[in-house]
C-alpha atoms as a PDB file:
ATOM      1  CA  MET A   1      38.284   1.583 -33.990  1.00  0.00           C
ATOM      2  CA  SER A   2      36.196   2.339 -36.955  1.00  0.00           C
ATOM      3  CA  ARG A   3      33.002   4.401 -36.782  1.00  0.00           C
ATOM      4  CA  LYS A   4      30.856   1.322 -37.567  1.00  0.00           C
ATOM      5  CA  ILE A   5      32.188  -0.594 -34.577  1.00  0.00           C
ATOM      6  CA  LEU A   6      31.747   2.431 -32.284  1.00  0.00           C
ATOM      7  CA  LEU A   7      28.186   2.903 -33.525  1.00  0.00           C
ATOM      8  CA  LYS A   8      27.341  -0.768 -32.888  1.00  0.00           C
ATOM      9  CA  VAL A   9      28.847  -0.646 -29.417  1.00  0.00           C
ATOM     10  CA  PHE A  10      26.886   2.519 -28.633  1.00  0.00           C
ATOM     11  CA  ILE A  11      23.611   1.020 -29.893  1.00  0.00           C
ATOM     12  CA  ILE A  12      24.171  -2.150 -27.851  1.00  0.00           C
ATOM     13  CA  LEU A  13      24.931  -0.087 -24.716  1.00  0.00           C
ATOM     14  CA  LEU A  14      21.884   2.075 -25.296  1.00  0.00           C
ATOM     15  CA  LEU A  15      19.609  -0.935 -25.690  1.00  0.00           C
ATOM     16  CA  THR A  16      21.040  -2.549 -22.581  1.00  0.00           C
ATOM     17  CA  VAL A  17      20.404   0.576 -20.534  1.00  0.00           C
ATOM     18  CA  LEU A  18      16.850   0.875 -21.932  1.00  0.00           C
ATOM     19  CA  VAL A  19      16.062  -2.769 -21.059  1.00  0.00           C
ATOM     20  CA  ALA A  20      17.496  -2.374 -17.583  1.00  0.00           C
ATOM     21  CA  CYS A  21      15.510   0.796 -16.961  1.00  0.00           C
ATOM     22  CA  SER A  22      12.341  -0.873 -18.208  1.00  0.00           C
ATOM     23  CA  ILE A  23      12.822  -3.838 -15.856  1.00  0.00           C
ATOM     24  CA  VAL A  24      13.335  -1.550 -12.865  1.00  0.00           C
ATOM     25  CA  PHE A  25      10.345   0.612 -13.814  1.00  0.00           C
ATOM     26  CA  LEU A  26       8.052  -2.395 -14.242  1.00  0.00           C
ATOM     27  CA  TYR A  27       9.210  -3.893 -10.908  1.00  0.00           C
ATOM     28  CA  PHE A  28       8.356  -0.704  -9.024  1.00  0.00           C
ATOM     29  CA  TYR A  29       5.167  -0.008 -11.009  1.00  0.00           C
ATOM     30  CA  ASN A  30       3.750  -3.485 -10.559  1.00  0.00           C
ATOM     31  CA  GLY A  31       4.751  -3.620  -6.858  1.00  0.00           C
ATOM     32  CA  LYS A  32       3.106  -0.271  -6.201  1.00  0.00           C
ATOM     33  CA  LYS A  33      -0.040  -1.257  -8.105  1.00  0.00           C
ATOM     34  CA  ASP A  34      -0.363  -4.605  -6.308  1.00  0.00           C
ATOM     35  CA  VAL A  35       0.102  -3.074  -2.838  1.00  0.00           C
ATOM     36  CA  SER A  36      -2.348  -0.263  -3.612  1.00  0.00           C
ATOM     37  CA  LYS A  37      -5.007  -2.745  -4.714  1.00  0.00           C
ATOM     38  CA  LYS A  38      -4.501  -5.031  -1.686  1.00  0.00           C
ATOM     39  CA  VAL A  39      -4.651  -2.096   0.730  1.00  0.00           C
ATOM     40  CA  ASP A  40      -7.830  -0.801  -0.985  1.00  0.00           C
ATOM     41  CA  ASP A  41      -9.381  -4.262  -0.806  1.00  0.00           C
ATOM     42  CA  TYR A  42      -8.515  -4.499   2.878  1.00  0.00           C
ATOM     43  CA  LEU A  43     -10.003  -1.094   3.632  1.00  0.00           C
ATOM     44  CA  VAL A  44     -13.224  -1.990   1.798  1.00  0.00           C
ATOM     45  CA  GLU A  45     -13.398  -5.292   3.665  1.00  0.00           C
ATOM     46  CA  GLN A  46     -13.001  -3.423   6.981  1.00  0.00           C
ATOM     47  CA  ASN A  47     -15.650  -0.828   5.932  1.00  0.00           C
ATOM     48  CA  SER A  48     -13.035   1.906   6.409  1.00  0.00           C
ATOM     49  CA  LYS A  49     -12.644   3.124   2.803  1.00  0.00           C
ATOM     50  CA  THR A  50     -15.219   5.920   3.091  1.00  0.00           C
ATOM     51  CA  ASN A  51     -13.665   7.134   6.342  1.00  0.00           C
ATOM     52  CA  ILE A  52     -10.238   7.937   4.861  1.00  0.00           C
ATOM     53  CA  LYS A  53      -9.050  11.531   5.256  1.00  0.00           C
ATOM     54  CA  GLU A  54      -5.705  10.979   3.528  1.00  0.00           C
ATOM     55  CA  LYS A  55      -3.929   8.022   1.989  1.00  0.00           C
ATOM     56  CA  LYS A  56      -0.366   8.003   0.685  1.00  0.00           C
ATOM     57  CA  LEU A  57       1.457   5.113  -0.976  1.00  0.00           C
ATOM     58  CA  LEU A  58       5.142   5.183   0.048  1.00  0.00           C
ATOM     59  CA  TYR A  59       8.253   3.065  -0.459  1.00  0.00           C
ATOM     60  CA  ASP A  60      10.303   1.881   2.516  1.00  0.00           C
ATOM     61  CA  TRP A  61      13.907   1.763   1.278  1.00  0.00           C
ATOM     62  CA  LYS A  62      15.111  -0.068   4.400  1.00  0.00           C
ATOM     63  CA  ILE A  63      12.966  -3.163   3.775  1.00  0.00           C
ATOM     64  CA  GLY A  64      12.319  -2.660   0.057  1.00  0.00           C
ATOM     65  CA  GLU A  65       8.515  -2.655   0.173  1.00  0.00           C
ATOM     66  CA  PHE A  66       5.647  -0.322  -0.583  1.00  0.00           C
ATOM     67  CA  TYR A  67       3.207   0.556   2.173  1.00  0.00           C
ATOM     68  CA  SER A  68       0.264   2.929   2.727  1.00  0.00           C
ATOM     69  CA  LYS A  69       0.159   5.728   5.252  1.00  0.00           C
ATOM     70  CA  VAL A  70      -3.493   6.393   6.105  1.00  0.00           C
ATOM     71  CA  THR A  71      -5.199   9.028   8.221  1.00  0.00           C
ATOM     72  CA  PHE A  72      -8.890   8.532   9.060  1.00  0.00           C
ATOM     73  CA  LYS A  73     -11.484  11.304   9.450  1.00  0.00           C
ATOM     74  CA  ASP A  74     -12.559  10.097  12.922  1.00  0.00           C
ATOM     75  CA  GLU A  75      -8.932   9.893  14.193  1.00  0.00           C
ATOM     76  CA  PRO A  76      -7.098  12.826  12.571  1.00  0.00           C
ATOM     77  CA  GLU A  77      -4.503  12.826  15.350  1.00  0.00           C
ATOM     78  CA  ASN A  78      -3.375   9.273  14.445  1.00  0.00           C
ATOM     79  CA  PHE A  79      -1.932   7.773  11.274  1.00  0.00           C
ATOM     80  CA  TYR A  80      -1.646   4.151  10.312  1.00  0.00           C
ATOM     81  CA  GLU A  81       0.990   2.317   8.261  1.00  0.00           C
ATOM     82  CA  ILE A  82      -0.505  -0.591   6.332  1.00  0.00           C
ATOM     83  CA  TYR A  83       1.958  -3.140   5.054  1.00  0.00           C
ATOM     84  CA  VAL A  84       1.083  -6.068   2.795  1.00  0.00           C
ATOM     85  CA  GLU A  85       3.258  -9.020   3.660  1.00  0.00           C
ATOM     86  CA  SER A  86       4.559 -11.516   1.108  1.00  0.00           C
ATOM     87  CA  ASN A  87       1.791 -13.988   1.950  1.00  0.00           C
ATOM     88  CA  SER A  88      -0.814 -11.232   1.312  1.00  0.00           C
ATOM     89  CA  ASN A  89      -1.491 -10.763   5.016  1.00  0.00           C
ATOM     90  CA  VAL A  90      -2.078  -7.216   6.071  1.00  0.00           C
ATOM     91  CA  ASP A  91      -0.278  -5.616   9.021  1.00  0.00           C
ATOM     92  CA  VAL A  92      -1.609  -2.292  10.401  1.00  0.00           C
ATOM     93  CA  THR A  93       0.437  -0.267  12.836  1.00  0.00           C
ATOM     94  CA  GLY A  94      -0.882   2.949  14.350  1.00  0.00           C
ATOM     95  CA  TYR A  95       1.033   6.028  15.474  1.00  0.00           C
ATOM     96  CA  ASN A  96      -0.073   9.166  17.291  1.00  0.00           C
ATOM     97  CA  ASP A  97       0.729  12.661  16.103  1.00  0.00           C
ATOM     98  CA  GLU A  98       4.061  12.514  18.009  1.00  0.00           C
ATOM     99  CA  GLY A  99       5.137   9.416  16.080  1.00  0.00           C
ATOM    100  CA  GLU A 100       4.762   7.040  19.022  1.00  0.00           C
ATOM    101  CA  GLN A 101       3.363   3.633  18.281  1.00  0.00           C
ATOM    102  CA  ILE A 102      -0.194   2.994  19.508  1.00  0.00           C
ATOM    103  CA  THR A 103      -0.778  -0.373  21.154  1.00  0.00           C
ATOM    104  CA  ASP A 104      -4.064   0.370  22.904  1.00  0.00           C
ATOM    105  CA  LYS A 105      -7.098  -0.263  20.679  1.00  0.00           C
ATOM    106  CA  ASN A 106      -9.036   2.377  22.651  1.00  0.00           C
ATOM    107  CA  LYS A 107      -6.629   4.994  21.297  1.00  0.00           C
ATOM    108  CA  GLY A 108      -6.344   3.527  17.810  1.00  0.00           C
ATOM    109  CA  LYS A 109      -9.310   1.482  16.657  1.00  0.00           C
ATOM    110  CA  TYR A 110      -7.850   0.515  13.294  1.00  0.00           C
ATOM    111  CA  ILE A 111      -4.868  -1.393  14.746  1.00  0.00           C
ATOM    112  CA  ILE A 112      -4.553  -5.099  13.927  1.00  0.00           C
ATOM    113  CA  ASP A 113      -1.667  -7.536  14.415  1.00  0.00           C
ATOM    114  CA  SER A 114      -2.074  -9.557  11.233  1.00  0.00           C
ATOM    115  CA  LYS A 115      -4.910 -10.652   9.113  1.00  0.00           C
END
């Protein structure tokens, strides 16, 4: 093969890789941004935004979705996983410091089934 053909093949491969990487980056960036906004909107709606001690946005590789892990100032021993479902409903699941799911609202006041 001549150098011109090799150079063209290399440029085409490079452009293909750049386009693929851009698509993957935009998919994750937009998904993360959307979930973050919906979780923030939910927390504001519930009057819980000012009570946040720590909030992390994580990616669940098993189900392929972003979610927030939130700890509140008034319940530092519990953490909550907030998932935004495909229909924009919010699902909040609480866990104690041992990682056991909380089902009693007296032990975890931020728990909801679905919104």
